[in-house]
Amino acid sequence: MTAAVTHGVPVGGHESGPASKRVIVAYGFWIFLLSDIVMFSAIFATYAVLSRATAGGPSGTDLFSQGTVAIETSCLLASSFLCGMMSMAVSRGDYRGTYIGGASTFLLGAAFLALEIREFAGMVAQGATPERSAFLSAFFTLVGCHGAHVAVGLAWLIVMMALVRSKGFRPNIRRRLACFSLFWHALDIIWVALFTIVYLMGMHK
């Protein structure tokens, strides 16, 4: 027996209708993040298989610098914390806190990226290029992919700060800032895994 319908709404049932834009955007962005994590998982698996395939060339023990990697990790973890502070400022409608949090996140993220590029340049100068061995190909692919994501995140953050300045905290701007925050925290989590598997384990093989 079907429920009676009045003006398109079932009587005695629950009102149904399309989901809000906020829900749709959040759902779609979570799908994007999960697909990105699947991609990184595949690259991690490839690296794990090839990590010992040095072809007589340098290994992680020969190439990785504990000091540089520690500074990179500190920069990215601190930027993630400040990104969270920025999100809290956005929820309060605090322009000053948003700008300070955004600028601090950007500067630390840029410092991380600069250190990573310097690390790559140093390795290439030593002849440790991606074509030297399967290990180096997997390393540059994994770490470089993460670095590319950081670069995209920095560009995205610049755009978002410009939008906040020109349009304020409109609902769509808040949604985009929330998506950026999720993206940046995901990069932080991926880096922790990368730091552990590639650098810590690589230095002790």
N, C-alpha and C. Protein backbone atom coordinates (compact mmCIF):
# COMPACT_ATOMS: atom_id res chain seq x y z
N MET A 1 0.85 -1.19 0.00
CA MET A 1 0.00 0.00 0.00
C MET A 1 0.88 1.23 0.00
N THR A 2 0.65 2.16 -0.94
CA THR A 2 1.51 3.33 -1.06
C THR A 2 0.96 4.48 -0.24
N ALA A 3 1.85 5.33 0.25
CA ALA A 3 1.45 6.49 1.04
C ALA A 3 0.86 7.55 0.13
N ALA A 4 -0.09 8.34 0.66
CA ALA A 4 -0.68 9.42 -0.11
C ALA A 4 0.37 10.50 -0.35
N VAL A 5 0.19 11.21 -1.47
CA VAL A 5 1.16 12.25 -1.82
C VAL A 5 0.44 13.58 -1.90
N THR A 6 0.98 14.58 -1.21
CA THR A 6 0.41 15.92 -1.24
C THR A 6 1.47 16.89 -1.71
N HIS A 7 1.23 17.54 -2.86
CA HIS A 7 2.17 18.49 -3.43
C HIS A 7 3.56 17.87 -3.59
N GLY A 8 3.63 16.61 -4.00
CA GLY A 8 4.91 15.97 -4.27
C GLY A 8 5.63 15.45 -3.06
N VAL A 9 5.03 15.60 -1.84
CA VAL A 9 5.68 15.15 -0.62
C VAL A 9 4.87 14.01 -0.03
N PRO A 10 5.43 12.83 0.17
CA PRO A 10 4.67 11.70 0.73
C PRO A 10 4.11 12.05 2.10
N VAL A 11 2.80 11.79 2.30
CA VAL A 11 2.18 12.03 3.59
C VAL A 11 2.54 10.88 4.52
N GLY A 12 2.97 11.23 5.70
CA GLY A 12 3.34 10.21 6.67
C GLY A 12 4.73 9.67 6.43
N GLY A 13 5.41 10.15 5.41
CA GLY A 13 6.78 9.72 5.13
C GLY A 13 7.74 10.87 5.35
N HIS A 14 8.94 10.72 4.83
CA HIS A 14 9.96 11.75 4.96
C HIS A 14 10.04 12.55 3.68
N GLU A 15 10.25 13.85 3.83
CA GLU A 15 10.39 14.70 2.65
C GLU A 15 11.68 14.35 1.93
N SER A 16 11.59 14.17 0.64
CA SER A 16 12.79 13.84 -0.13
C SER A 16 13.06 14.94 -1.14
N GLY A 17 14.31 14.99 -1.59
CA GLY A 17 14.69 16.00 -2.56
C GLY A 17 16.17 15.92 -2.81
N PRO A 18 16.66 16.76 -3.71
CA PRO A 18 18.09 16.73 -4.03
C PRO A 18 18.93 17.17 -2.83
N ALA A 19 20.12 16.60 -2.72
CA ALA A 19 21.03 16.97 -1.64
C ALA A 19 21.50 18.40 -1.83
N SER A 20 21.90 19.02 -0.74
CA SER A 20 22.40 20.40 -0.81
C SER A 20 23.72 20.44 -1.56
N LYS A 21 24.07 21.62 -2.06
CA LYS A 21 25.31 21.76 -2.80
C LYS A 21 26.51 21.46 -1.91
N ARG A 22 26.41 21.82 -0.63
CA ARG A 22 27.49 21.56 0.30
C ARG A 22 27.77 20.05 0.43
N VAL A 23 26.69 19.27 0.50
CA VAL A 23 26.84 17.81 0.61
C VAL A 23 27.42 17.23 -0.68
N ILE A 24 26.94 17.72 -1.82
CA ILE A 24 27.40 17.21 -3.11
C ILE A 24 28.89 17.51 -3.30
N VAL A 25 29.30 18.76 -2.99
CA VAL A 25 30.71 19.14 -3.13
C VAL A 25 31.58 18.31 -2.21
N ALA A 26 31.15 18.14 -0.95
CA ALA A 26 31.94 17.35 0.00
C ALA A 26 32.07 15.90 -0.46
N TYR A 27 30.97 15.34 -0.93
CA TYR A 27 30.99 13.95 -1.41
C TYR A 27 31.93 13.79 -2.60
N GLY A 28 31.81 14.70 -3.54
CA GLY A 28 32.66 14.65 -4.73
C GLY A 28 34.13 14.82 -4.39
N PHE A 29 34.42 15.70 -3.43
CA PHE A 29 35.83 15.92 -3.09
C PHE A 29 36.41 14.73 -2.33
N TRP A 30 35.60 14.10 -1.50
CA TRP A 30 36.08 12.89 -0.81
C TRP A 30 36.39 11.79 -1.82
N ILE A 31 35.58 11.67 -2.88
CA ILE A 31 35.86 10.69 -3.92
C ILE A 31 37.20 11.01 -4.59
N PHE A 32 37.43 12.29 -4.86
CA PHE A 32 38.71 12.70 -5.45
C PHE A 32 39.87 12.33 -4.54
N LEU A 33 39.75 12.63 -3.23
CA LEU A 33 40.83 12.32 -2.30
C LEU A 33 41.09 10.82 -2.23
N LEU A 34 40.02 10.04 -2.19
CA LEU A 34 40.18 8.59 -2.13
C LEU A 34 40.85 8.05 -3.39
N SER A 35 40.49 8.60 -4.54
CA SER A 35 41.13 8.17 -5.79
C SER A 35 42.61 8.55 -5.79
N ASP A 36 42.93 9.70 -5.22
CA ASP A 36 44.32 10.13 -5.10
C ASP A 36 45.10 9.19 -4.18
N ILE A 37 44.47 8.78 -3.10
CA ILE A 37 45.12 7.87 -2.15
C ILE A 37 45.35 6.50 -2.81
N VAL A 38 44.39 6.06 -3.63
CA VAL A 38 44.56 4.80 -4.36
C VAL A 38 45.77 4.90 -5.30
N MET A 39 45.89 6.05 -5.98
CA MET A 39 47.03 6.25 -6.87
C MET A 39 48.35 6.19 -6.10
N PHE A 40 48.41 6.89 -4.97
CA PHE A 40 49.63 6.88 -4.16
C PHE A 40 49.91 5.47 -3.63
N SER A 41 48.87 4.75 -3.28
CA SER A 41 49.06 3.38 -2.79
C SER A 41 49.73 2.52 -3.85
N ALA A 42 49.32 2.69 -5.10
CA ALA A 42 49.93 1.93 -6.19
C ALA A 42 51.41 2.30 -6.36
N ILE A 43 51.71 3.60 -6.23
CA ILE A 43 53.10 4.03 -6.38
C ILE A 43 53.93 3.55 -5.19
N PHE A 44 53.34 3.57 -3.99
CA PHE A 44 54.03 3.03 -2.81
C PHE A 44 54.36 1.55 -3.02
N ALA A 45 53.40 0.80 -3.53
CA ALA A 45 53.62 -0.63 -3.77
C ALA A 45 54.74 -0.85 -4.78
N THR A 46 54.76 -0.03 -5.82
CA THR A 46 55.82 -0.13 -6.82
C THR A 46 57.17 0.16 -6.20
N TYR A 47 57.21 1.20 -5.38
CA TYR A 47 58.48 1.55 -4.72
C TYR A 47 58.94 0.42 -3.81
N ALA A 48 58.02 -0.18 -3.07
CA ALA A 48 58.39 -1.27 -2.16
C ALA A 48 59.02 -2.43 -2.91
N VAL A 49 58.51 -2.72 -4.10
CA VAL A 49 59.06 -3.81 -4.91
C VAL A 49 60.44 -3.46 -5.46
N LEU A 50 60.64 -2.19 -5.83
CA LEU A 50 61.87 -1.78 -6.51
C LEU A 50 62.91 -1.13 -5.59
N SER A 51 62.61 -1.02 -4.31
CA SER A 51 63.50 -0.26 -3.42
C SER A 51 64.90 -0.83 -3.31
N ARG A 52 65.08 -2.12 -3.59
CA ARG A 52 66.41 -2.74 -3.53
C ARG A 52 67.05 -2.91 -4.91
N ALA A 53 66.33 -2.52 -5.93
CA ALA A 53 66.84 -2.68 -7.30
C ALA A 53 67.71 -1.49 -7.68
N THR A 54 68.89 -1.41 -7.07
CA THR A 54 69.79 -0.26 -7.29
C THR A 54 70.71 -0.45 -8.50
N ALA A 55 70.77 -1.64 -9.06
CA ALA A 55 71.62 -1.92 -10.23
C ALA A 55 73.07 -1.51 -9.98
N GLY A 56 73.54 -1.70 -8.76
CA GLY A 56 74.91 -1.36 -8.43
C GLY A 56 75.13 0.12 -8.18
N GLY A 57 74.06 0.92 -8.25
CA GLY A 57 74.17 2.35 -8.03
C GLY A 57 73.92 2.71 -6.58
N PRO A 58 73.79 4.00 -6.28
CA PRO A 58 73.59 4.44 -4.90
C PRO A 58 72.22 4.02 -4.36
N SER A 59 72.18 3.75 -3.07
CA SER A 59 70.93 3.40 -2.40
C SER A 59 70.50 4.57 -1.52
N GLY A 60 69.40 4.38 -0.80
CA GLY A 60 68.93 5.43 0.07
C GLY A 60 69.93 5.80 1.14
N THR A 61 70.65 4.82 1.64
CA THR A 61 71.67 5.07 2.66
C THR A 61 72.73 6.03 2.16
N ASP A 62 73.05 5.94 0.88
CA ASP A 62 74.08 6.81 0.29
C ASP A 62 73.55 8.20 -0.03
N LEU A 63 72.26 8.33 -0.26
CA LEU A 63 71.72 9.57 -0.81
C LEU A 63 70.94 10.43 0.17
N PHE A 64 70.23 9.80 1.11
CA PHE A 64 69.31 10.56 1.95
C PHE A 64 70.04 11.26 3.09
N SER A 65 69.61 12.48 3.37
CA SER A 65 70.16 13.27 4.48
C SER A 65 69.11 13.36 5.58
N GLN A 66 69.44 12.84 6.75
CA GLN A 66 68.50 12.85 7.87
C GLN A 66 68.12 14.27 8.26
N GLY A 67 69.10 15.17 8.25
CA GLY A 67 68.83 16.55 8.65
C GLY A 67 67.85 17.24 7.73
N THR A 68 68.09 17.10 6.42
CA THR A 68 67.21 17.74 5.44
C THR A 68 65.79 17.19 5.51
N VAL A 69 65.68 15.88 5.61
CA VAL A 69 64.36 15.25 5.66
C VAL A 69 63.63 15.65 6.94
N ALA A 70 64.36 15.77 8.06
CA ALA A 70 63.73 16.19 9.32
C ALA A 70 63.17 17.61 9.20
N ILE A 71 63.92 18.49 8.54
CA ILE A 71 63.44 19.87 8.36
C ILE A 71 62.23 19.89 7.44
N GLU A 72 62.28 19.11 6.35
CA GLU A 72 61.14 19.03 5.44
C GLU A 72 59.88 18.57 6.19
N THR A 73 60.05 17.53 6.99
CA THR A 73 58.91 16.99 7.74
C THR A 73 58.36 18.01 8.73
N SER A 74 59.24 18.71 9.40
CA SER A 74 58.81 19.73 10.36
C SER A 74 58.03 20.84 9.67
N CYS A 75 58.52 21.25 8.51
CA CYS A 75 57.84 22.32 7.75
C CYS A 75 56.43 21.89 7.36
N LEU A 76 56.31 20.66 6.86
CA LEU A 76 55.00 20.21 6.38
C LEU A 76 54.03 19.97 7.54
N LEU A 77 54.52 19.40 8.63
CA LEU A 77 53.65 19.18 9.79
C LEU A 77 53.18 20.51 10.38
N ALA A 78 54.09 21.47 10.47
CA ALA A 78 53.72 22.79 11.00
C ALA A 78 52.73 23.48 10.07
N SER A 79 52.94 23.33 8.76
CA SER A 79 52.00 23.96 7.81
C SER A 79 50.61 23.35 7.94
N SER A 80 50.54 22.06 8.21
CA SER A 80 49.25 21.40 8.38
C SER A 80 48.53 21.92 9.63
N PHE A 81 49.30 22.12 10.70
CA PHE A 81 48.72 22.68 11.93
C PHE A 81 48.18 24.09 11.67
N LEU A 82 48.97 24.91 10.97
CA LEU A 82 48.55 26.28 10.70
C LEU A 82 47.38 26.33 9.72
N CYS A 83 47.31 25.34 8.84
CA CYS A 83 46.15 25.23 7.94
C CYS A 83 44.88 24.98 8.76
N GLY A 84 45.02 24.15 9.80
CA GLY A 84 43.88 23.92 10.70
C GLY A 84 43.47 25.19 11.43
N MET A 85 44.46 25.98 11.84
CA MET A 85 44.17 27.26 12.49
C MET A 85 43.46 28.20 11.52
N MET A 86 43.88 28.17 10.25
CA MET A 86 43.22 28.99 9.24
C MET A 86 41.76 28.57 9.09
N SER A 87 41.50 27.25 9.09
CA SER A 87 40.13 26.77 8.96
C SER A 87 39.26 27.23 10.12
N MET A 88 39.83 27.25 11.32
CA MET A 88 39.09 27.74 12.48
C MET A 88 38.79 29.23 12.34
N ALA A 89 39.74 29.98 11.80
CA ALA A 89 39.52 31.41 11.58
C ALA A 89 38.42 31.64 10.54
N VAL A 90 38.39 30.81 9.50
CA VAL A 90 37.35 30.91 8.47
C VAL A 90 35.98 30.66 9.09
N SER A 91 35.89 29.66 9.97
CA SER A 91 34.60 29.35 10.60
C SER A 91 34.11 30.49 11.49
N ARG A 92 35.05 31.29 12.02
CA ARG A 92 34.68 32.45 12.84
C ARG A 92 34.45 33.71 12.01
N GLY A 93 34.78 33.65 10.73
CA GLY A 93 34.70 34.84 9.90
C GLY A 93 35.81 35.82 10.20
N ASP A 94 36.94 35.32 10.65
CA ASP A 94 38.08 36.15 11.06
C ASP A 94 39.03 36.33 9.88
N TYR A 95 38.99 37.51 9.27
CA TYR A 95 39.82 37.76 8.10
C TYR A 95 41.31 37.75 8.47
N ARG A 96 41.66 38.43 9.54
CA ARG A 96 43.07 38.53 9.92
C ARG A 96 43.66 37.14 10.20
N GLY A 97 42.93 36.34 10.98
CA GLY A 97 43.40 35.00 11.28
C GLY A 97 43.51 34.13 10.04
N THR A 98 42.57 34.34 9.09
CA THR A 98 42.61 33.57 7.84
C THR A 98 43.84 33.93 7.02
N TYR A 99 44.12 35.23 6.91
CA TYR A 99 45.28 35.65 6.13
C TYR A 99 46.59 35.20 6.77
N ILE A 100 46.67 35.32 8.09
CA ILE A 100 47.90 34.89 8.79
C ILE A 100 48.09 33.38 8.64
N GLY A 101 47.00 32.62 8.87
CA GLY A 101 47.09 31.17 8.73
C GLY A 101 47.43 30.76 7.31
N GLY A 102 46.81 31.42 6.33
CA GLY A 102 47.07 31.09 4.93
C GLY A 102 48.50 31.42 4.52
N ALA A 103 48.99 32.60 4.95
CA ALA A 103 50.35 33.00 4.61
C ALA A 103 51.38 32.07 5.26
N SER A 104 51.13 31.70 6.52
CA SER A 104 52.06 30.81 7.23
C SER A 104 52.07 29.42 6.58
N THR A 105 50.89 28.93 6.21
CA THR A 105 50.80 27.64 5.53
C THR A 105 51.56 27.68 4.22
N PHE A 106 51.39 28.77 3.48
CA PHE A 106 52.08 28.90 2.19
C PHE A 106 53.59 28.95 2.36
N LEU A 107 54.07 29.75 3.29
CA LEU A 107 55.52 29.90 3.47
C LEU A 107 56.18 28.58 3.87
N LEU A 108 55.54 27.86 4.79
CA LEU A 108 56.11 26.57 5.21
C LEU A 108 56.03 25.53 4.11
N GLY A 109 54.92 25.54 3.37
CA GLY A 109 54.79 24.63 2.24
C GLY A 109 55.82 24.93 1.16
N ALA A 110 56.06 26.23 0.91
CA ALA A 110 57.06 26.63 -0.09
C ALA A 110 58.46 26.24 0.37
N ALA A 111 58.73 26.36 1.68
CA ALA A 111 60.03 25.96 2.21
C ALA A 111 60.23 24.46 2.03
N PHE A 112 59.18 23.68 2.30
CA PHE A 112 59.24 22.23 2.09
C PHE A 112 59.57 21.92 0.64
N LEU A 113 58.88 22.58 -0.28
CA LEU A 113 59.07 22.31 -1.70
C LEU A 113 60.48 22.71 -2.14
N ALA A 114 60.97 23.84 -1.64
CA ALA A 114 62.32 24.29 -2.00
C ALA A 114 63.37 23.29 -1.53
N LEU A 115 63.21 22.77 -0.32
CA LEU A 115 64.15 21.77 0.20
C LEU A 115 64.11 20.49 -0.63
N GLU A 116 62.91 20.11 -1.05
CA GLU A 116 62.77 18.89 -1.86
C GLU A 116 63.43 19.07 -3.23
N ILE A 117 63.24 20.24 -3.82
CA ILE A 117 63.87 20.50 -5.12
C ILE A 117 65.39 20.51 -4.98
N ARG A 118 65.88 21.10 -3.88
CA ARG A 118 67.32 21.11 -3.64
C ARG A 118 67.85 19.68 -3.46
N GLU A 119 67.07 18.84 -2.78
CA GLU A 119 67.46 17.44 -2.60
C GLU A 119 67.55 16.73 -3.95
N PHE A 120 66.55 16.94 -4.80
CA PHE A 120 66.56 16.33 -6.13
C PHE A 120 67.78 16.81 -6.94
N ALA A 121 68.04 18.13 -6.88
CA ALA A 121 69.16 18.69 -7.64
C ALA A 121 70.48 18.10 -7.17
N GLY A 122 70.64 17.93 -5.85
CA GLY A 122 71.85 17.33 -5.31
C GLY A 122 72.04 15.90 -5.76
N MET A 123 70.94 15.15 -5.81
CA MET A 123 71.03 13.76 -6.24
C MET A 123 71.40 13.67 -7.72
N VAL A 124 70.79 14.53 -8.53
CA VAL A 124 71.10 14.53 -9.96
C VAL A 124 72.57 14.91 -10.18
N ALA A 125 73.07 15.86 -9.38
CA ALA A 125 74.48 16.28 -9.50
C ALA A 125 75.43 15.13 -9.20
N GLN A 126 74.99 14.18 -8.38
CA GLN A 126 75.82 13.02 -8.05
C GLN A 126 75.65 11.89 -9.07
N GLY A 127 74.83 12.14 -10.07
CA GLY A 127 74.59 11.10 -11.08
C GLY A 127 73.45 10.17 -10.72
N ALA A 128 72.74 10.46 -9.62
CA ALA A 128 71.63 9.61 -9.18
C ALA A 128 70.34 10.10 -9.84
N THR A 129 70.24 9.86 -11.13
CA THR A 129 69.08 10.30 -11.92
C THR A 129 68.06 9.17 -12.01
N PRO A 130 66.83 9.47 -12.40
CA PRO A 130 65.79 8.42 -12.46
C PRO A 130 66.15 7.24 -13.34
N GLU A 131 66.91 7.47 -14.42
CA GLU A 131 67.25 6.36 -15.31
C GLU A 131 68.43 5.53 -14.81
N ARG A 132 69.03 5.93 -13.70
CA ARG A 132 70.20 5.20 -13.18
C ARG A 132 69.82 3.81 -12.68
N SER A 133 68.65 3.69 -12.05
CA SER A 133 68.22 2.39 -11.53
C SER A 133 66.71 2.39 -11.33
N ALA A 134 66.16 1.21 -11.15
CA ALA A 134 64.71 1.09 -10.89
C ALA A 134 64.37 1.75 -9.54
N PHE A 135 65.27 1.62 -8.58
CA PHE A 135 65.05 2.25 -7.27
C PHE A 135 64.90 3.75 -7.42
N LEU A 136 65.81 4.37 -8.17
CA LEU A 136 65.75 5.83 -8.33
C LEU A 136 64.53 6.25 -9.15
N SER A 137 64.15 5.45 -10.14
CA SER A 137 62.93 5.75 -10.91
C SER A 137 61.71 5.77 -9.99
N ALA A 138 61.61 4.75 -9.13
CA ALA A 138 60.48 4.67 -8.21
C ALA A 138 60.53 5.80 -7.18
N PHE A 139 61.73 6.12 -6.71
CA PHE A 139 61.88 7.20 -5.72
C PHE A 139 61.44 8.54 -6.29
N PHE A 140 61.97 8.90 -7.46
CA PHE A 140 61.62 10.19 -8.05
C PHE A 140 60.13 10.26 -8.39
N THR A 141 59.55 9.14 -8.81
CA THR A 141 58.13 9.12 -9.13
C THR A 141 57.28 9.36 -7.89
N LEU A 142 57.59 8.65 -6.80
CA LEU A 142 56.80 8.75 -5.57
C LEU A 142 56.96 10.11 -4.91
N VAL A 143 58.20 10.50 -4.65
CA VAL A 143 58.44 11.77 -3.96
C VAL A 143 58.08 12.95 -4.86
N GLY A 144 58.38 12.82 -6.16
CA GLY A 144 58.04 13.89 -7.09
C GLY A 144 56.55 14.09 -7.24
N CYS A 145 55.79 13.00 -7.21
CA CYS A 145 54.33 13.10 -7.29
C CYS A 145 53.77 13.85 -6.09
N HIS A 146 54.31 13.53 -4.91
CA HIS A 146 53.87 14.25 -3.71
C HIS A 146 54.25 15.72 -3.82
N GLY A 147 55.46 16.00 -4.28
CA GLY A 147 55.89 17.38 -4.43
C GLY A 147 55.03 18.16 -5.41
N ALA A 148 54.62 17.49 -6.49
CA ALA A 148 53.74 18.15 -7.47
C ALA A 148 52.40 18.50 -6.83
N HIS A 149 51.90 17.61 -5.98
CA HIS A 149 50.66 17.89 -5.27
C HIS A 149 50.82 19.10 -4.33
N VAL A 150 51.97 19.19 -3.68
CA VAL A 150 52.22 20.34 -2.80
C VAL A 150 52.24 21.63 -3.63
N ALA A 151 52.89 21.60 -4.79
CA ALA A 151 52.94 22.78 -5.66
C ALA A 151 51.53 23.20 -6.09
N VAL A 152 50.70 22.22 -6.45
CA VAL A 152 49.30 22.53 -6.81
C VAL A 152 48.57 23.13 -5.62
N GLY A 153 48.80 22.57 -4.43
CA GLY A 153 48.16 23.10 -3.22
C GLY A 153 48.55 24.54 -2.94
N LEU A 154 49.82 24.88 -3.17
CA LEU A 154 50.27 26.26 -2.95
C LEU A 154 49.60 27.22 -3.92
N ALA A 155 49.50 26.80 -5.19
CA ALA A 155 48.81 27.64 -6.17
C ALA A 155 47.34 27.81 -5.80
N TRP A 156 46.71 26.73 -5.36
CA TRP A 156 45.31 26.76 -4.94
C TRP A 156 45.14 27.72 -3.76
N LEU A 157 46.07 27.70 -2.82
CA LEU A 157 45.97 28.57 -1.65
C LEU A 157 46.06 30.04 -2.04
N ILE A 158 46.93 30.37 -2.99
CA ILE A 158 47.03 31.75 -3.46
C ILE A 158 45.70 32.21 -4.04
N VAL A 159 45.11 31.35 -4.87
CA VAL A 159 43.82 31.69 -5.47
C VAL A 159 42.76 31.89 -4.40
N MET A 160 42.73 31.02 -3.38
CA MET A 160 41.72 31.12 -2.34
C MET A 160 41.88 32.39 -1.52
N MET A 161 43.11 32.77 -1.21
CA MET A 161 43.32 34.01 -0.46
C MET A 161 42.87 35.23 -1.28
N ALA A 162 43.10 35.18 -2.59
CA ALA A 162 42.64 36.27 -3.46
C ALA A 162 41.11 36.32 -3.49
N LEU A 163 40.46 35.15 -3.49
CA LEU A 163 39.00 35.12 -3.49
C LEU A 163 38.42 35.62 -2.17
N VAL A 164 39.06 35.26 -1.07
CA VAL A 164 38.59 35.76 0.23
C VAL A 164 38.69 37.28 0.27
N ARG A 165 39.78 37.81 -0.25
CA ARG A 165 39.97 39.27 -0.25
C ARG A 165 38.95 39.98 -1.13
N SER A 166 38.61 39.37 -2.28
CA SER A 166 37.72 40.05 -3.22
C SER A 166 36.23 39.77 -2.96
N LYS A 167 35.91 38.56 -2.43
CA LYS A 167 34.51 38.19 -2.29
C LYS A 167 34.07 37.90 -0.86
N GLY A 168 35.05 37.85 0.07
CA GLY A 168 34.68 37.59 1.45
C GLY A 168 34.37 36.12 1.71
N PHE A 169 33.70 35.87 2.82
CA PHE A 169 33.40 34.49 3.23
C PHE A 169 32.03 34.05 2.72
N ARG A 170 31.86 34.05 1.44
CA ARG A 170 30.63 33.53 0.86
C ARG A 170 30.57 32.02 1.07
N PRO A 171 29.38 31.44 1.03
CA PRO A 171 29.28 29.98 1.25
C PRO A 171 30.15 29.16 0.31
N ASN A 172 30.20 29.54 -0.96
CA ASN A 172 31.03 28.77 -1.90
C ASN A 172 32.51 28.92 -1.60
N ILE A 173 32.92 30.09 -1.10
CA ILE A 173 34.32 30.30 -0.72
C ILE A 173 34.66 29.44 0.49
N ARG A 174 33.76 29.37 1.45
CA ARG A 174 33.99 28.53 2.63
C ARG A 174 34.10 27.05 2.23
N ARG A 175 33.26 26.62 1.29
CA ARG A 175 33.33 25.22 0.83
C ARG A 175 34.67 24.93 0.18
N ARG A 176 35.15 25.86 -0.63
CA ARG A 176 36.42 25.65 -1.31
C ARG A 176 37.58 25.64 -0.32
N LEU A 177 37.51 26.50 0.68
CA LEU A 177 38.56 26.51 1.71
C LEU A 177 38.54 25.22 2.52
N ALA A 178 37.34 24.70 2.78
CA ALA A 178 37.24 23.41 3.49
C ALA A 178 37.85 22.29 2.65
N CYS A 179 37.61 22.31 1.34
CA CYS A 179 38.20 21.30 0.45
C CYS A 179 39.71 21.43 0.42
N PHE A 180 40.20 22.67 0.38
CA PHE A 180 41.66 22.86 0.40
C PHE A 180 42.26 22.30 1.69
N SER A 181 41.60 22.55 2.81
CA SER A 181 42.10 22.05 4.08
C SER A 181 42.18 20.53 4.09
N LEU A 182 41.15 19.86 3.58
CA LEU A 182 41.18 18.40 3.48
C LEU A 182 42.33 17.93 2.59
N PHE A 183 42.52 18.61 1.48
CA PHE A 183 43.59 18.26 0.55
C PHE A 183 44.95 18.40 1.21
N TRP A 184 45.16 19.49 1.94
CA TRP A 184 46.46 19.75 2.55
C TRP A 184 46.75 18.74 3.68
N HIS A 185 45.73 18.43 4.46
CA HIS A 185 45.92 17.44 5.53
C HIS A 185 46.19 16.05 4.94
N ALA A 186 45.55 15.74 3.81
CA ALA A 186 45.81 14.45 3.15
C ALA A 186 47.26 14.36 2.69
N LEU A 187 47.79 15.47 2.16
CA LEU A 187 49.20 15.49 1.75
C LEU A 187 50.12 15.27 2.95
N ASP A 188 49.73 15.81 4.09
CA ASP A 188 50.51 15.64 5.31
C ASP A 188 50.54 14.16 5.72
N ILE A 189 49.39 13.50 5.66
CA ILE A 189 49.30 12.08 6.02
C ILE A 189 50.13 11.24 5.05
N ILE A 190 50.04 11.56 3.76
CA ILE A 190 50.82 10.82 2.76
C ILE A 190 52.31 11.01 3.01
N TRP A 191 52.71 12.22 3.39
CA TRP A 191 54.13 12.47 3.65
C TRP A 191 54.62 11.67 4.85
N VAL A 192 53.81 11.54 5.88
CA VAL A 192 54.21 10.75 7.04
C VAL A 192 54.50 9.31 6.61
N ALA A 193 53.64 8.74 5.77
CA ALA A 193 53.87 7.39 5.25
C ALA A 193 55.12 7.36 4.38
N LEU A 194 55.28 8.38 3.55
CA LEU A 194 56.43 8.44 2.66
C LEU A 194 57.73 8.58 3.47
N PHE A 195 57.71 9.44 4.47
CA PHE A 195 58.86 9.65 5.34
C PHE A 195 59.27 8.35 6.02
N THR A 196 58.29 7.60 6.49
CA THR A 196 58.57 6.35 7.19
C THR A 196 59.10 5.27 6.25
N ILE A 197 58.39 5.07 5.13
CA ILE A 197 58.74 3.97 4.23
C ILE A 197 59.97 4.26 3.39
N VAL A 198 60.07 5.48 2.87
CA VAL A 198 61.17 5.80 1.96
C VAL A 198 62.43 6.21 2.72
N TYR A 199 62.28 7.15 3.62
CA TYR A 199 63.48 7.72 4.24
C TYR A 199 63.94 6.93 5.47
N LEU A 200 63.07 6.74 6.44
CA LEU A 200 63.52 6.03 7.65
C LEU A 200 63.95 4.60 7.35
N MET A 201 63.11 3.87 6.64
CA MET A 201 63.46 2.49 6.29
C MET A 201 64.60 2.45 5.28
N GLY A 202 64.64 3.43 4.38
CA GLY A 202 65.69 3.45 3.35
C GLY A 202 67.06 3.73 3.92
N MET A 203 67.12 4.48 5.02
CA MET A 203 68.41 4.81 5.62
C MET A 203 68.97 3.66 6.44
N HIS A 204 68.15 2.66 6.73
CA HIS A 204 68.60 1.57 7.61
C HIS A 204 68.63 0.23 6.89
N LYS A 205 68.67 0.27 5.57
CA LYS A 205 68.74 -0.99 4.81
C LYS A 205 70.20 -1.40 4.65
